[in-house]
Amino acid sequence: MSTYGVARMTARHGLSMLKDEGLTVTRHGSGVFVRAFEPIVRDTTGGPVDASTVTAEIDETGAGLTVRTLGVTAEAEPSEKVRTALGLSDGASVTVRERLHLRERKPVLFATSYVPSAIAAGTPIADEEVGPGGTHARLAEAGHAPVRFREDVVARMPSIEEIEELRIEPGTPVLSVTRTAYTQDDTPVEVSYVVLDAGEFMLRYDID
């Protein structure tokens, strides 16, 4: 402050503006630092054959991401949103898989996937360790190979739970991705809800 001859309140206001613009990050006990943006590229241009899981295209970038399975529920009652997305009848259950992706121990992505229990039952999809190739490889082995995907992407502000889960500063936007996997006969076999820290990712698409 003495270097530039500004008042304390002026300096605080300036730092607050930089934080609101996403240009700085506060580290408690250390100070305010310039935010370094080295985006993780989520590249979906490889097509469904190469995308063995909803986030396989991220892990293949060499960004140093690790995946932590938070929980697997073999038979759960789906919400109306999930039931509609998967075209399930009343009373049908789903297998739920929750995962957290970390970059250098910092959470950057939270994903929850739903597969009809009628398909997942008796396969590693219902186990904590789904095996090489992920859920999509197991679906293919069970005769339900995904061949196309639909994604809806929304930029929004995070919920309190998402702020805590991703350890982000309040006011940091997130990208919310809903991804539905379809078989050759256009049957939905998986729907995933993915929340990404928008300050960590760049999404890449090919449009023909």
N, C-alpha and C. Protein backbone atom coordinates (compact mmCIF):
# COMPACT_ATOMS: atom_id res chain seq x y z
N MET A 1 0.83 -1.21 0.00
CA MET A 1 0.00 0.00 0.00
C MET A 1 0.86 1.25 0.00
N SER A 2 1.95 1.23 0.80
CA SER A 2 2.81 2.40 0.85
C SER A 2 3.53 2.62 -0.47
N THR A 3 3.81 1.52 -1.19
CA THR A 3 4.52 1.62 -2.48
C THR A 3 3.71 2.42 -3.49
N TYR A 4 2.38 2.17 -3.51
CA TYR A 4 1.52 2.81 -4.50
C TYR A 4 0.69 3.95 -3.92
N GLY A 5 0.84 4.21 -2.63
CA GLY A 5 0.17 5.33 -2.03
C GLY A 5 -1.34 5.23 -2.02
N VAL A 6 -1.87 4.03 -1.72
CA VAL A 6 -3.32 3.85 -1.66
C VAL A 6 -3.74 3.50 -0.24
N ALA A 7 -5.00 3.83 0.07
CA ALA A 7 -5.53 3.53 1.39
C ALA A 7 -5.84 2.04 1.51
N ARG A 8 -5.90 1.55 2.75
CA ARG A 8 -6.17 0.14 3.00
C ARG A 8 -7.51 -0.29 2.39
N MET A 9 -8.55 0.54 2.56
CA MET A 9 -9.86 0.19 2.03
C MET A 9 -9.84 0.13 0.50
N THR A 10 -9.08 1.02 -0.12
CA THR A 10 -8.97 1.00 -1.59
C THR A 10 -8.30 -0.29 -2.05
N ALA A 11 -7.25 -0.70 -1.34
CA ALA A 11 -6.55 -1.94 -1.69
C ALA A 11 -7.47 -3.14 -1.51
N ARG A 12 -8.23 -3.15 -0.43
CA ARG A 12 -9.15 -4.27 -0.18
C ARG A 12 -10.22 -4.33 -1.27
N HIS A 13 -10.72 -3.15 -1.68
CA HIS A 13 -11.74 -3.12 -2.72
C HIS A 13 -11.17 -3.65 -4.04
N GLY A 14 -9.93 -3.27 -4.33
CA GLY A 14 -9.29 -3.75 -5.56
C GLY A 14 -9.10 -5.25 -5.54
N LEU A 15 -8.66 -5.80 -4.40
CA LEU A 15 -8.49 -7.25 -4.28
C LEU A 15 -9.82 -7.98 -4.39
N SER A 16 -10.87 -7.36 -3.82
CA SER A 16 -12.20 -7.96 -3.91
C SER A 16 -12.68 -8.02 -5.35
N MET A 17 -12.41 -6.97 -6.13
CA MET A 17 -12.80 -6.96 -7.54
C MET A 17 -12.05 -8.04 -8.32
N LEU A 18 -10.77 -8.19 -8.04
CA LEU A 18 -9.98 -9.22 -8.73
C LEU A 18 -10.48 -10.61 -8.39
N LYS A 19 -10.89 -10.81 -7.14
CA LYS A 19 -11.43 -12.11 -6.73
C LYS A 19 -12.75 -12.38 -7.43
N ASP A 20 -13.62 -11.35 -7.50
CA ASP A 20 -14.92 -11.51 -8.16
C ASP A 20 -14.76 -11.85 -9.64
N GLU A 21 -13.67 -11.37 -10.24
CA GLU A 21 -13.42 -11.64 -11.66
C GLU A 21 -12.70 -12.97 -11.87
N GLY A 22 -12.43 -13.68 -10.76
CA GLY A 22 -11.79 -14.98 -10.86
C GLY A 22 -10.30 -14.92 -11.14
N LEU A 23 -9.68 -13.78 -10.90
CA LEU A 23 -8.26 -13.61 -11.23
C LEU A 23 -7.34 -13.93 -10.07
N THR A 24 -7.89 -14.01 -8.85
CA THR A 24 -7.06 -14.31 -7.68
C THR A 24 -7.73 -15.39 -6.84
N VAL A 25 -6.94 -15.98 -5.97
CA VAL A 25 -7.44 -16.97 -5.03
C VAL A 25 -6.84 -16.68 -3.67
N THR A 26 -7.65 -16.82 -2.63
CA THR A 26 -7.21 -16.56 -1.26
C THR A 26 -6.81 -17.86 -0.59
N ARG A 27 -5.61 -17.91 -0.06
CA ARG A 27 -5.15 -19.06 0.70
C ARG A 27 -5.02 -18.63 2.14
N HIS A 28 -5.91 -19.17 2.96
CA HIS A 28 -5.97 -18.75 4.35
C HIS A 28 -4.63 -18.97 5.05
N GLY A 29 -4.18 -17.91 5.70
CA GLY A 29 -2.91 -17.97 6.41
C GLY A 29 -1.72 -17.64 5.55
N SER A 30 -1.95 -17.49 4.22
CA SER A 30 -0.83 -17.20 3.31
C SER A 30 -0.99 -15.87 2.59
N GLY A 31 -2.21 -15.58 2.12
CA GLY A 31 -2.42 -14.33 1.42
C GLY A 31 -3.25 -14.51 0.17
N VAL A 32 -3.19 -13.52 -0.71
CA VAL A 32 -3.94 -13.52 -1.96
C VAL A 32 -2.95 -13.73 -3.11
N PHE A 33 -3.28 -14.67 -3.99
CA PHE A 33 -2.37 -15.02 -5.07
C PHE A 33 -3.09 -14.97 -6.41
N VAL A 34 -2.32 -14.72 -7.47
CA VAL A 34 -2.88 -14.74 -8.83
C VAL A 34 -3.28 -16.17 -9.17
N ARG A 35 -4.49 -16.34 -9.70
CA ARG A 35 -4.96 -17.67 -10.08
C ARG A 35 -4.27 -18.11 -11.38
N ALA A 36 -3.61 -19.25 -11.32
CA ALA A 36 -2.95 -19.80 -12.51
C ALA A 36 -3.95 -20.69 -13.25
N PHE A 37 -4.20 -20.37 -14.51
CA PHE A 37 -5.16 -21.16 -15.28
C PHE A 37 -4.41 -22.08 -16.24
N GLU A 38 -4.28 -23.33 -15.86
CA GLU A 38 -3.70 -24.36 -16.71
C GLU A 38 -4.79 -25.41 -16.91
N PRO A 39 -5.66 -25.20 -17.90
CA PRO A 39 -6.88 -26.00 -17.99
C PRO A 39 -6.64 -27.47 -18.28
N ILE A 40 -7.47 -28.31 -17.66
CA ILE A 40 -7.55 -29.71 -18.02
C ILE A 40 -8.46 -29.78 -19.24
N VAL A 41 -7.98 -30.37 -20.31
CA VAL A 41 -8.76 -30.43 -21.54
C VAL A 41 -9.65 -31.67 -21.51
N ARG A 42 -10.95 -31.45 -21.50
CA ARG A 42 -11.90 -32.57 -21.58
C ARG A 42 -12.24 -32.73 -23.05
N ASP A 43 -11.55 -33.67 -23.70
CA ASP A 43 -11.64 -33.83 -25.15
C ASP A 43 -12.59 -34.97 -25.49
N THR A 44 -13.73 -34.65 -26.07
CA THR A 44 -14.72 -35.67 -26.44
C THR A 44 -14.70 -35.97 -27.93
N THR A 45 -13.64 -35.54 -28.62
CA THR A 45 -13.60 -35.70 -30.07
C THR A 45 -13.23 -37.11 -30.50
N GLY A 46 -12.81 -37.98 -29.55
CA GLY A 46 -12.42 -39.33 -29.91
C GLY A 46 -13.58 -40.24 -30.22
N GLY A 47 -14.80 -39.84 -29.83
CA GLY A 47 -15.98 -40.66 -30.12
C GLY A 47 -16.24 -41.68 -29.04
N PRO A 48 -17.40 -42.29 -29.06
CA PRO A 48 -17.83 -43.20 -28.00
C PRO A 48 -16.98 -44.44 -27.86
N VAL A 49 -16.32 -44.89 -28.93
CA VAL A 49 -15.52 -46.10 -28.83
C VAL A 49 -14.37 -45.91 -27.86
N ASP A 50 -13.79 -44.68 -27.85
CA ASP A 50 -12.64 -44.42 -27.01
C ASP A 50 -13.03 -44.01 -25.60
N ALA A 51 -14.27 -43.65 -25.38
CA ALA A 51 -14.69 -43.12 -24.08
C ALA A 51 -15.22 -44.26 -23.22
N SER A 52 -14.31 -44.90 -22.48
CA SER A 52 -14.70 -46.07 -21.70
C SER A 52 -15.48 -45.69 -20.46
N THR A 53 -15.34 -44.47 -19.99
CA THR A 53 -16.14 -43.99 -18.88
C THR A 53 -16.53 -42.55 -19.19
N VAL A 54 -17.40 -42.00 -18.37
CA VAL A 54 -17.86 -40.63 -18.62
C VAL A 54 -16.71 -39.64 -18.55
N THR A 55 -15.62 -40.00 -17.86
CA THR A 55 -14.49 -39.08 -17.73
C THR A 55 -13.21 -39.67 -18.26
N ALA A 56 -13.27 -40.72 -19.07
CA ALA A 56 -12.07 -41.34 -19.60
C ALA A 56 -11.26 -40.35 -20.42
N GLU A 57 -11.95 -39.48 -21.17
CA GLU A 57 -11.25 -38.56 -22.04
C GLU A 57 -10.43 -37.56 -21.23
N ILE A 58 -10.79 -37.35 -19.96
CA ILE A 58 -10.00 -36.47 -19.11
C ILE A 58 -8.76 -37.18 -18.63
N ASP A 59 -8.91 -38.40 -18.14
CA ASP A 59 -7.80 -39.12 -17.55
C ASP A 59 -6.72 -39.45 -18.57
N GLU A 60 -7.05 -39.48 -19.85
CA GLU A 60 -6.09 -39.81 -20.88
C GLU A 60 -5.25 -38.60 -21.31
N THR A 61 -5.49 -37.43 -20.73
CA THR A 61 -4.75 -36.24 -21.14
C THR A 61 -3.41 -36.14 -20.45
N GLY A 62 -3.14 -36.98 -19.45
CA GLY A 62 -1.90 -36.89 -18.71
C GLY A 62 -1.91 -35.74 -17.73
N ALA A 63 -3.08 -35.30 -17.33
CA ALA A 63 -3.19 -34.17 -16.41
C ALA A 63 -2.90 -34.57 -14.98
N GLY A 64 -2.63 -35.83 -14.74
CA GLY A 64 -2.32 -36.28 -13.39
C GLY A 64 -3.53 -36.42 -12.51
N LEU A 65 -4.70 -36.70 -13.11
CA LEU A 65 -5.91 -36.87 -12.32
C LEU A 65 -5.96 -38.26 -11.71
N THR A 66 -6.47 -38.32 -10.51
CA THR A 66 -6.74 -39.60 -9.87
C THR A 66 -8.24 -39.68 -9.61
N VAL A 67 -8.75 -40.90 -9.58
CA VAL A 67 -10.18 -41.11 -9.40
C VAL A 67 -10.42 -41.84 -8.10
N ARG A 68 -11.32 -41.31 -7.31
CA ARG A 68 -11.69 -41.93 -6.04
C ARG A 68 -13.16 -42.32 -6.10
N THR A 69 -13.43 -43.61 -5.93
CA THR A 69 -14.82 -44.07 -5.88
C THR A 69 -15.37 -43.77 -4.50
N LEU A 70 -16.42 -42.96 -4.45
CA LEU A 70 -17.00 -42.55 -3.17
C LEU A 70 -18.05 -43.53 -2.68
N GLY A 71 -18.70 -44.22 -3.61
CA GLY A 71 -19.74 -45.16 -3.19
C GLY A 71 -20.42 -45.80 -4.37
N VAL A 72 -20.92 -47.02 -4.14
CA VAL A 72 -21.69 -47.75 -5.14
C VAL A 72 -22.92 -48.33 -4.45
N THR A 73 -24.09 -48.07 -5.00
CA THR A 73 -25.34 -48.62 -4.49
C THR A 73 -25.95 -49.49 -5.57
N ALA A 74 -26.07 -50.79 -5.29
CA ALA A 74 -26.50 -51.75 -6.31
C ALA A 74 -27.95 -51.55 -6.73
N GLU A 75 -28.82 -51.28 -5.78
CA GLU A 75 -30.23 -51.09 -6.11
C GLU A 75 -30.77 -49.90 -5.33
N ALA A 76 -31.07 -48.84 -6.06
CA ALA A 76 -31.59 -47.61 -5.45
C ALA A 76 -32.81 -47.16 -6.22
N GLU A 77 -33.68 -46.46 -5.51
CA GLU A 77 -34.87 -45.91 -6.17
C GLU A 77 -34.48 -44.64 -6.90
N PRO A 78 -34.71 -44.56 -8.20
CA PRO A 78 -34.30 -43.38 -8.95
C PRO A 78 -35.22 -42.20 -8.73
N SER A 79 -34.67 -41.01 -8.89
CA SER A 79 -35.50 -39.81 -8.89
C SER A 79 -36.31 -39.78 -10.18
N GLU A 80 -37.29 -38.89 -10.22
CA GLU A 80 -38.11 -38.77 -11.43
C GLU A 80 -37.24 -38.36 -12.62
N LYS A 81 -36.25 -37.51 -12.37
CA LYS A 81 -35.36 -37.07 -13.44
C LYS A 81 -34.58 -38.24 -14.03
N VAL A 82 -34.04 -39.09 -13.16
CA VAL A 82 -33.27 -40.25 -13.62
C VAL A 82 -34.19 -41.25 -14.31
N ARG A 83 -35.36 -41.47 -13.74
CA ARG A 83 -36.32 -42.43 -14.32
C ARG A 83 -36.69 -42.01 -15.75
N THR A 84 -36.92 -40.72 -15.93
CA THR A 84 -37.28 -40.22 -17.26
C THR A 84 -36.12 -40.35 -18.23
N ALA A 85 -34.91 -40.00 -17.77
CA ALA A 85 -33.73 -40.06 -18.64
C ALA A 85 -33.45 -41.47 -19.14
N LEU A 86 -33.71 -42.47 -18.28
CA LEU A 86 -33.43 -43.86 -18.64
C LEU A 86 -34.65 -44.59 -19.18
N GLY A 87 -35.79 -43.91 -19.19
CA GLY A 87 -37.01 -44.53 -19.70
C GLY A 87 -37.47 -45.71 -18.87
N LEU A 88 -37.33 -45.61 -17.55
CA LEU A 88 -37.66 -46.71 -16.65
C LEU A 88 -39.13 -46.71 -16.27
N SER A 89 -39.64 -47.88 -16.01
CA SER A 89 -41.02 -48.01 -15.54
C SER A 89 -41.05 -47.82 -14.03
N ASP A 90 -42.23 -47.57 -13.49
CA ASP A 90 -42.37 -47.41 -12.04
C ASP A 90 -41.92 -48.70 -11.35
N GLY A 91 -41.16 -48.53 -10.27
CA GLY A 91 -40.69 -49.69 -9.51
C GLY A 91 -39.33 -50.19 -9.93
N ALA A 92 -38.83 -49.74 -11.08
CA ALA A 92 -37.50 -50.15 -11.53
C ALA A 92 -36.43 -49.45 -10.70
N SER A 93 -35.36 -50.15 -10.41
CA SER A 93 -34.28 -49.58 -9.61
C SER A 93 -33.05 -49.31 -10.48
N VAL A 94 -32.09 -48.59 -9.90
CA VAL A 94 -30.86 -48.24 -10.62
C VAL A 94 -29.65 -48.55 -9.75
N THR A 95 -28.52 -48.77 -10.41
CA THR A 95 -27.23 -48.88 -9.73
C THR A 95 -26.55 -47.52 -9.82
N VAL A 96 -26.08 -47.03 -8.69
CA VAL A 96 -25.52 -45.68 -8.61
C VAL A 96 -24.02 -45.77 -8.30
N ARG A 97 -23.23 -45.04 -9.07
CA ARG A 97 -21.79 -44.96 -8.83
C ARG A 97 -21.41 -43.49 -8.66
N GLU A 98 -20.71 -43.18 -7.56
CA GLU A 98 -20.27 -41.81 -7.28
C GLU A 98 -18.74 -41.77 -7.29
N ARG A 99 -18.19 -40.80 -8.02
CA ARG A 99 -16.74 -40.70 -8.14
C ARG A 99 -16.29 -39.24 -7.98
N LEU A 100 -15.09 -39.11 -7.46
CA LEU A 100 -14.46 -37.79 -7.32
C LEU A 100 -13.12 -37.84 -8.04
N HIS A 101 -12.88 -36.86 -8.91
CA HIS A 101 -11.60 -36.78 -9.63
C HIS A 101 -10.77 -35.66 -9.01
N LEU A 102 -9.50 -35.94 -8.79
CA LEU A 102 -8.62 -34.98 -8.13
C LEU A 102 -7.41 -34.68 -9.01
N ARG A 103 -6.99 -33.43 -8.95
CA ARG A 103 -5.76 -33.00 -9.64
C ARG A 103 -4.79 -32.54 -8.58
N GLU A 104 -3.74 -33.32 -8.40
CA GLU A 104 -2.75 -33.03 -7.36
C GLU A 104 -3.44 -32.85 -6.01
N ARG A 105 -4.31 -33.80 -5.71
CA ARG A 105 -5.05 -33.90 -4.43
C ARG A 105 -6.14 -32.84 -4.27
N LYS A 106 -6.36 -32.03 -5.31
CA LYS A 106 -7.41 -31.02 -5.25
C LYS A 106 -8.60 -31.52 -6.06
N PRO A 107 -9.80 -31.66 -5.45
CA PRO A 107 -10.98 -32.11 -6.21
C PRO A 107 -11.31 -31.14 -7.34
N VAL A 108 -11.56 -31.69 -8.53
CA VAL A 108 -11.90 -30.84 -9.67
C VAL A 108 -13.18 -31.28 -10.36
N LEU A 109 -13.66 -32.49 -10.07
CA LEU A 109 -14.83 -33.03 -10.77
C LEU A 109 -15.52 -34.05 -9.89
N PHE A 110 -16.85 -33.95 -9.85
CA PHE A 110 -17.67 -34.90 -9.11
C PHE A 110 -18.69 -35.50 -10.07
N ALA A 111 -18.77 -36.82 -10.11
CA ALA A 111 -19.67 -37.48 -11.07
C ALA A 111 -20.53 -38.53 -10.38
N THR A 112 -21.80 -38.56 -10.75
CA THR A 112 -22.73 -39.59 -10.29
C THR A 112 -23.38 -40.22 -11.51
N SER A 113 -23.23 -41.55 -11.64
CA SER A 113 -23.76 -42.26 -12.80
C SER A 113 -24.85 -43.24 -12.37
N TYR A 114 -25.84 -43.40 -13.25
CA TYR A 114 -26.97 -44.30 -12.98
C TYR A 114 -27.12 -45.28 -14.14
N VAL A 115 -27.20 -46.57 -13.81
CA VAL A 115 -27.43 -47.63 -14.79
C VAL A 115 -28.61 -48.45 -14.31
N PRO A 116 -29.54 -48.83 -15.17
CA PRO A 116 -30.66 -49.67 -14.73
C PRO A 116 -30.14 -50.93 -14.04
N SER A 117 -30.69 -51.23 -12.86
CA SER A 117 -30.25 -52.42 -12.12
C SER A 117 -30.48 -53.69 -12.92
N ALA A 118 -31.48 -53.70 -13.78
CA ALA A 118 -31.75 -54.88 -14.60
C ALA A 118 -30.57 -55.19 -15.51
N ILE A 119 -29.78 -54.16 -15.85
CA ILE A 119 -28.60 -54.35 -16.69
C ILE A 119 -27.36 -54.58 -15.83
N ALA A 120 -27.23 -53.82 -14.74
CA ALA A 120 -26.02 -53.86 -13.91
C ALA A 120 -25.94 -55.09 -13.02
N ALA A 121 -27.07 -55.67 -12.66
CA ALA A 121 -27.09 -56.81 -11.73
C ALA A 121 -26.22 -57.95 -12.26
N GLY A 122 -25.36 -58.47 -11.38
CA GLY A 122 -24.52 -59.59 -11.75
C GLY A 122 -23.28 -59.22 -12.53
N THR A 123 -23.04 -57.91 -12.73
CA THR A 123 -21.85 -57.44 -13.44
C THR A 123 -21.01 -56.59 -12.48
N PRO A 124 -19.73 -56.34 -12.81
CA PRO A 124 -18.90 -55.49 -11.96
C PRO A 124 -19.38 -54.04 -11.85
N ILE A 125 -20.37 -53.66 -12.66
CA ILE A 125 -20.91 -52.30 -12.54
C ILE A 125 -21.46 -52.07 -11.14
N ALA A 126 -21.94 -53.14 -10.53
CA ALA A 126 -22.50 -53.04 -9.18
C ALA A 126 -21.45 -53.22 -8.10
N ASP A 127 -20.17 -53.42 -8.50
CA ASP A 127 -19.08 -53.57 -7.54
C ASP A 127 -18.28 -52.28 -7.44
N GLU A 128 -17.53 -52.13 -6.36
CA GLU A 128 -16.71 -50.93 -6.20
C GLU A 128 -15.64 -50.85 -7.29
N GLU A 129 -15.02 -52.00 -7.61
CA GLU A 129 -14.02 -52.05 -8.67
C GLU A 129 -14.70 -52.51 -9.95
N VAL A 130 -14.91 -51.59 -10.86
CA VAL A 130 -15.66 -51.92 -12.08
C VAL A 130 -14.79 -52.62 -13.12
N GLY A 131 -13.47 -52.52 -12.98
CA GLY A 131 -12.57 -53.22 -13.88
C GLY A 131 -12.07 -52.37 -15.04
N PRO A 132 -11.10 -52.90 -15.80
CA PRO A 132 -10.51 -52.16 -16.93
C PRO A 132 -11.56 -51.74 -17.95
N GLY A 133 -11.45 -50.51 -18.41
CA GLY A 133 -12.40 -50.02 -19.41
C GLY A 133 -13.62 -49.36 -18.82
N GLY A 134 -13.82 -49.50 -17.51
CA GLY A 134 -14.91 -48.80 -16.86
C GLY A 134 -16.29 -49.35 -17.17
N THR A 135 -17.28 -48.57 -16.81
CA THR A 135 -18.68 -48.98 -16.94
C THR A 135 -19.06 -49.30 -18.38
N HIS A 136 -18.56 -48.51 -19.33
CA HIS A 136 -18.96 -48.73 -20.72
C HIS A 136 -18.43 -50.05 -21.26
N ALA A 137 -17.26 -50.46 -20.82
CA ALA A 137 -16.74 -51.77 -21.24
C ALA A 137 -17.60 -52.89 -20.68
N ARG A 138 -18.06 -52.73 -19.43
CA ARG A 138 -18.91 -53.76 -18.83
C ARG A 138 -20.28 -53.79 -19.52
N LEU A 139 -20.78 -52.62 -19.89
CA LEU A 139 -22.05 -52.58 -20.63
C LEU A 139 -21.92 -53.32 -21.96
N ALA A 140 -20.79 -53.11 -22.63
CA ALA A 140 -20.57 -53.79 -23.91
C ALA A 140 -20.53 -55.30 -23.72
N GLU A 141 -19.86 -55.75 -22.66
CA GLU A 141 -19.77 -57.18 -22.39
C GLU A 141 -21.14 -57.79 -22.11
N ALA A 142 -22.02 -56.97 -21.54
CA ALA A 142 -23.36 -57.45 -21.22
C ALA A 142 -24.33 -57.32 -22.40
N GLY A 143 -23.81 -56.87 -23.54
CA GLY A 143 -24.66 -56.75 -24.73
C GLY A 143 -25.38 -55.43 -24.85
N HIS A 144 -24.90 -54.41 -24.12
CA HIS A 144 -25.55 -53.09 -24.14
C HIS A 144 -24.51 -52.01 -24.44
N ALA A 145 -23.72 -52.20 -25.47
CA ALA A 145 -22.63 -51.27 -25.77
C ALA A 145 -23.15 -49.89 -26.15
N PRO A 146 -22.67 -48.83 -25.48
CA PRO A 146 -23.05 -47.47 -25.89
C PRO A 146 -22.39 -47.12 -27.22
N VAL A 147 -23.17 -46.56 -28.13
CA VAL A 147 -22.61 -46.17 -29.43
C VAL A 147 -22.74 -44.67 -29.69
N ARG A 148 -23.56 -43.98 -28.90
CA ARG A 148 -23.66 -42.53 -29.03
C ARG A 148 -24.02 -41.92 -27.69
N PHE A 149 -23.72 -40.64 -27.57
CA PHE A 149 -23.95 -39.94 -26.30
C PHE A 149 -24.59 -38.58 -26.58
N ARG A 150 -25.39 -38.15 -25.63
CA ARG A 150 -25.94 -36.80 -25.68
C ARG A 150 -25.49 -36.07 -24.41
N GLU A 151 -24.99 -34.84 -24.60
CA GLU A 151 -24.56 -34.04 -23.46
C GLU A 151 -25.31 -32.72 -23.44
N ASP A 152 -25.78 -32.37 -22.25
CA ASP A 152 -26.33 -31.04 -21.99
C ASP A 152 -25.38 -30.37 -21.01
N VAL A 153 -24.86 -29.20 -21.38
CA VAL A 153 -23.88 -28.50 -20.56
C VAL A 153 -24.46 -27.16 -20.11
N VAL A 154 -24.41 -26.91 -18.81
CA VAL A 154 -24.93 -25.67 -18.24
C VAL A 154 -23.85 -25.07 -17.34
N ALA A 155 -23.61 -23.77 -17.50
CA ALA A 155 -22.74 -23.04 -16.59
C ALA A 155 -23.62 -22.40 -15.52
N ARG A 156 -23.26 -22.61 -14.27
CA ARG A 156 -24.09 -22.10 -13.17
C ARG A 156 -23.24 -21.90 -11.93
N MET A 157 -23.86 -21.34 -10.90
CA MET A 157 -23.18 -21.20 -9.62
C MET A 157 -23.36 -22.49 -8.82
N PRO A 158 -22.39 -22.85 -8.01
CA PRO A 158 -22.45 -24.13 -7.29
C PRO A 158 -23.36 -24.08 -6.07
N SER A 159 -23.84 -25.26 -5.69
CA SER A 159 -24.58 -25.38 -4.44
C SER A 159 -23.58 -25.40 -3.28
N ILE A 160 -24.08 -25.29 -2.07
CA ILE A 160 -23.21 -25.33 -0.90
C ILE A 160 -22.47 -26.67 -0.84
N GLU A 161 -23.18 -27.76 -1.14
CA GLU A 161 -22.56 -29.08 -1.13
C GLU A 161 -21.45 -29.18 -2.17
N GLU A 162 -21.65 -28.59 -3.34
CA GLU A 162 -20.63 -28.64 -4.39
C GLU A 162 -19.42 -27.80 -4.02
N ILE A 163 -19.64 -26.67 -3.35
CA ILE A 163 -18.52 -25.85 -2.87
C ILE A 163 -17.66 -26.66 -1.92
N GLU A 164 -18.30 -27.40 -1.03
CA GLU A 164 -17.56 -28.21 -0.06
C GLU A 164 -16.89 -29.40 -0.74
N GLU A 165 -17.60 -30.06 -1.66
CA GLU A 165 -17.07 -31.27 -2.31
C GLU A 165 -15.86 -30.94 -3.18
N LEU A 166 -15.94 -29.83 -3.93
CA LEU A 166 -14.86 -29.45 -4.85
C LEU A 166 -13.85 -28.50 -4.22
N ARG A 167 -14.13 -28.06 -2.99
CA ARG A 167 -13.24 -27.15 -2.27
C ARG A 167 -12.94 -25.90 -3.12
N ILE A 168 -14.00 -25.26 -3.59
CA ILE A 168 -13.85 -24.06 -4.40
C ILE A 168 -14.31 -22.84 -3.61
N GLU A 169 -13.84 -21.69 -4.05
CA GLU A 169 -14.23 -20.43 -3.41
C GLU A 169 -15.69 -20.12 -3.75
N PRO A 170 -16.46 -19.61 -2.79
CA PRO A 170 -17.82 -19.17 -3.11
C PRO A 170 -17.79 -18.16 -4.25
N GLY A 171 -18.70 -18.31 -5.19
CA GLY A 171 -18.71 -17.42 -6.34
C GLY A 171 -17.99 -17.97 -7.55
N THR A 172 -17.30 -19.11 -7.38
CA THR A 172 -16.64 -19.76 -8.51
C THR A 172 -17.67 -20.57 -9.29
N PRO A 173 -17.86 -20.33 -10.57
CA PRO A 173 -18.86 -21.08 -11.33
C PRO A 173 -18.43 -22.52 -11.57
N VAL A 174 -19.41 -23.36 -11.85
CA VAL A 174 -19.15 -24.75 -12.22
C VAL A 174 -19.81 -25.04 -13.56
N LEU A 175 -19.36 -26.10 -14.20
CA LEU A 175 -20.01 -26.62 -15.40
C LEU A 175 -20.76 -27.87 -15.02
N SER A 176 -22.03 -27.91 -15.32
CA SER A 176 -22.87 -29.06 -15.01
C SER A 176 -23.18 -29.80 -16.31
N VAL A 177 -22.70 -31.04 -16.40
CA VAL A 177 -22.85 -31.84 -17.62
C VAL A 177 -23.78 -33.02 -17.34
N THR A 178 -24.82 -33.15 -18.13
CA THR A 178 -25.68 -34.34 -18.10
C THR A 178 -25.38 -35.14 -19.36
N ARG A 179 -24.88 -36.36 -19.16
CA ARG A 179 -24.47 -37.18 -20.30
C ARG A 179 -25.25 -38.49 -20.30
N THR A 180 -25.94 -38.75 -21.40
CA THR A 180 -26.74 -39.97 -21.54
C THR A 180 -26.13 -40.84 -22.63
N ALA A 181 -25.96 -42.13 -22.30
CA ALA A 181 -25.37 -43.10 -23.24
C ALA A 181 -26.48 -43.95 -23.85
N TYR A 182 -26.43 -44.14 -25.17
CA TYR A 182 -27.45 -44.90 -25.90
C TYR A 182 -26.82 -46.07 -26.65
N THR A 183 -27.58 -47.16 -26.76
CA THR A 183 -27.15 -48.31 -27.54
C THR A 183 -27.53 -48.13 -29.01
N GLN A 184 -27.20 -49.14 -29.82
CA GLN A 184 -27.48 -49.08 -31.25
C GLN A 184 -28.96 -48.90 -31.55
N ASP A 185 -29.82 -49.49 -30.70
CA ASP A 185 -31.27 -49.35 -30.92
C ASP A 185 -31.86 -48.16 -30.19
N ASP A 186 -30.98 -47.22 -29.78
CA ASP A 186 -31.39 -45.95 -29.17
C ASP A 186 -31.98 -46.12 -27.77
N THR A 187 -31.57 -47.17 -27.07
CA THR A 187 -32.01 -47.37 -25.68
C THR A 187 -31.02 -46.70 -24.74
N PRO A 188 -31.48 -45.83 -23.83
CA PRO A 188 -30.56 -45.23 -22.86
C PRO A 188 -30.15 -46.25 -21.81
N VAL A 189 -28.84 -46.40 -21.59
CA VAL A 189 -28.35 -47.41 -20.64
C VAL A 189 -27.56 -46.80 -19.49
N GLU A 190 -27.27 -45.51 -19.57
CA GLU A 190 -26.58 -44.83 -18.48
C GLU A 190 -26.84 -43.34 -18.59
N VAL A 191 -27.07 -42.71 -17.44
CA VAL A 191 -27.10 -41.26 -17.40
C VAL A 191 -26.16 -40.83 -16.28
N SER A 192 -25.34 -39.83 -16.58
CA SER A 192 -24.35 -39.35 -15.62
C SER A 192 -24.52 -37.85 -15.43
N TYR A 193 -24.40 -37.44 -14.19
CA TYR A 193 -24.44 -36.02 -13.84
C TYR A 193 -23.06 -35.64 -13.32
N VAL A 194 -22.40 -34.75 -14.03
CA VAL A 194 -21.01 -34.40 -13.76
C VAL A 194 -20.92 -32.92 -13.44
N VAL A 195 -20.24 -32.59 -12.35
CA VAL A 195 -20.03 -31.19 -11.97
C VAL A 195 -18.53 -30.93 -12.01
N LEU A 196 -18.12 -29.95 -12.82
CA LEU A 196 -16.72 -29.62 -12.99
C LEU A 196 -16.43 -28.22 -12.49
N ASP A 197 -15.29 -28.04 -11.85
CA ASP A 197 -14.82 -26.72 -11.47
C ASP A 197 -14.47 -25.97 -12.76
N ALA A 198 -15.24 -24.94 -13.08
CA ALA A 198 -15.06 -24.23 -14.35
C ALA A 198 -13.69 -23.56 -14.45
N GLY A 199 -13.07 -23.31 -13.31
CA GLY A 199 -11.75 -22.70 -13.31
C GLY A 199 -10.63 -23.68 -13.62
N GLU A 200 -10.99 -24.96 -13.81
CA GLU A 200 -9.98 -25.99 -14.04
C GLU A 200 -10.08 -26.65 -15.42
N PHE A 201 -11.19 -26.41 -16.14
CA PHE A 201 -11.44 -27.19 -17.34
C PHE A 201 -11.65 -26.35 -18.60
N MET A 202 -11.29 -26.97 -19.72
CA MET A 202 -11.69 -26.50 -21.04
C MET A 202 -12.36 -27.67 -21.74
N LEU A 203 -13.55 -27.45 -22.30
CA LEU A 203 -14.27 -28.50 -23.01
C LEU A 203 -13.99 -28.39 -24.51
N ARG A 204 -13.67 -29.53 -25.13
CA ARG A 204 -13.35 -29.52 -26.56
C ARG A 204 -14.31 -30.43 -27.32
N TYR A 205 -14.89 -29.89 -28.41
CA TYR A 205 -15.82 -30.66 -29.24
C TYR A 205 -15.47 -30.47 -30.71
N ASP A 206 -15.67 -31.51 -31.50
CA ASP A 206 -15.64 -31.39 -32.96
C ASP A 206 -17.08 -31.25 -33.44
N ILE A 207 -17.33 -30.30 -34.34
CA ILE A 207 -18.66 -30.11 -34.89
C ILE A 207 -18.56 -30.21 -36.41
N ASP A 208 -19.16 -31.22 -36.97
CA ASP A 208 -19.12 -31.44 -38.42
C ASP A 208 -20.31 -30.76 -39.10
